[in-house]
Every structure is written in structure tokens, then in C-alpha cells.
Protein backbone atom coordinates (compact mmCIF):
# COMPACT_ATOMS: atom_id res chain seq x y z
CA MET A 1 -12.77 19.25 22.04
CA THR A 2 -15.67 20.28 19.82
CA ALA A 3 -14.56 23.91 19.89
CA LEU A 4 -11.08 22.88 18.77
CA ALA A 5 -12.51 20.73 15.98
CA ASN A 6 -14.69 23.64 14.84
CA GLU A 7 -11.67 25.92 14.87
CA HIS A 8 -9.74 23.47 12.66
CA LEU A 9 -12.73 23.10 10.32
CA THR A 10 -13.05 26.88 9.97
CA ASP A 11 -9.33 27.13 9.22
CA LEU A 12 -9.63 24.37 6.62
CA ARG A 13 -12.57 26.10 4.94
CA ASN A 14 -10.61 29.35 4.80
CA GLN A 15 -7.60 27.58 3.30
CA LEU A 16 -9.73 25.93 0.62
CA HIS A 17 -10.82 29.33 -0.66
CA LEU A 18 -7.31 30.72 -1.10
CA ALA A 19 -6.06 31.23 -4.65
CA ARG A 20 -2.90 29.24 -3.96
CA PHE A 21 -4.95 26.14 -3.05
CA GLU A 22 -5.59 25.31 -6.70
CA ARG A 23 -1.87 25.54 -7.43
CA ASP A 24 -0.96 23.50 -4.35
CA ILE A 25 -3.49 20.73 -5.06
CA ARG A 26 -1.90 20.21 -8.48
CA SER A 27 1.45 19.55 -6.84
CA ARG A 28 2.78 16.02 -7.26
CA THR A 29 3.01 15.69 -3.49
CA ALA A 30 -0.67 16.51 -2.87
CA VAL A 31 -2.10 13.04 -3.55
CA PRO A 32 0.30 11.18 -1.21
CA GLU A 33 -0.31 13.77 1.52
CA LEU A 34 -4.09 13.46 1.18
CA ALA A 35 -3.78 9.67 1.22
CA ARG A 36 -1.73 9.87 4.43
CA LEU A 37 -4.33 12.16 6.02
CA ALA A 38 -7.17 9.83 5.03
CA HIS A 39 -5.25 6.89 6.50
CA VAL A 40 -4.74 8.68 9.84
CA LEU A 41 -8.38 9.77 10.00
CA ALA A 42 -9.55 6.24 9.26
CA ARG A 43 -7.18 4.76 11.84
CA TYR A 44 -8.22 7.12 14.62
CA HIS A 45 -11.89 7.74 13.77
CA ASN A 46 -13.17 6.07 16.95
CA GLU A 47 -10.79 8.02 19.16
CA ILE A 48 -11.61 11.26 17.36
CA ALA A 49 -15.34 10.63 17.75
CA ASP A 50 -15.10 10.23 21.52
CA GLY A 51 -12.52 12.96 22.10
CA PHE A 52 -9.68 10.51 22.75
CA GLY A 53 -11.39 9.50 25.98
CA VAL A 54 -11.40 12.99 27.48
CA PRO A 55 -14.77 13.56 29.16
CA ASP A 56 -16.86 16.33 27.69
CA PRO A 57 -17.11 19.05 30.35
CA THR A 58 -20.66 19.91 29.29
CA GLY A 59 -21.82 16.31 29.51
CA ALA A 60 -23.24 16.58 26.00
CA GLY A 61 -20.87 13.98 24.56
């Protein structure tokens, strides 16, 4: 689960450095989309933190 999260974080970081990001963030749809993402992250933060109940195969948690 951690590896997948790191993969998504790396992808996000790469996307933030693209030239089109500045154009996209100025879009009128950007704020509602970011608000929706924040809402989902807030709603599921406990499940995200514990890997949605899937045991960590390394036992590290």
C-alpha cells in the first residue's frame, strides 16, 4: 500500500511541474475539483492511514 501511495505521490509531483499545470489550475473547474478531492481525503483519512484494513505484509504498519 505504501509503495502505491509513493507511486501516486511521485506522479503528482511530476504533474505539478508540467507547464500546462499553471493553465489548468486557472480553469474555472479547478476549485470545485480540488474541493471534491479534499472532501474525499477528509472523509477517508482513517481508512487511508490504515490501508483500508489490509494488513501490511512487512508488519511495519
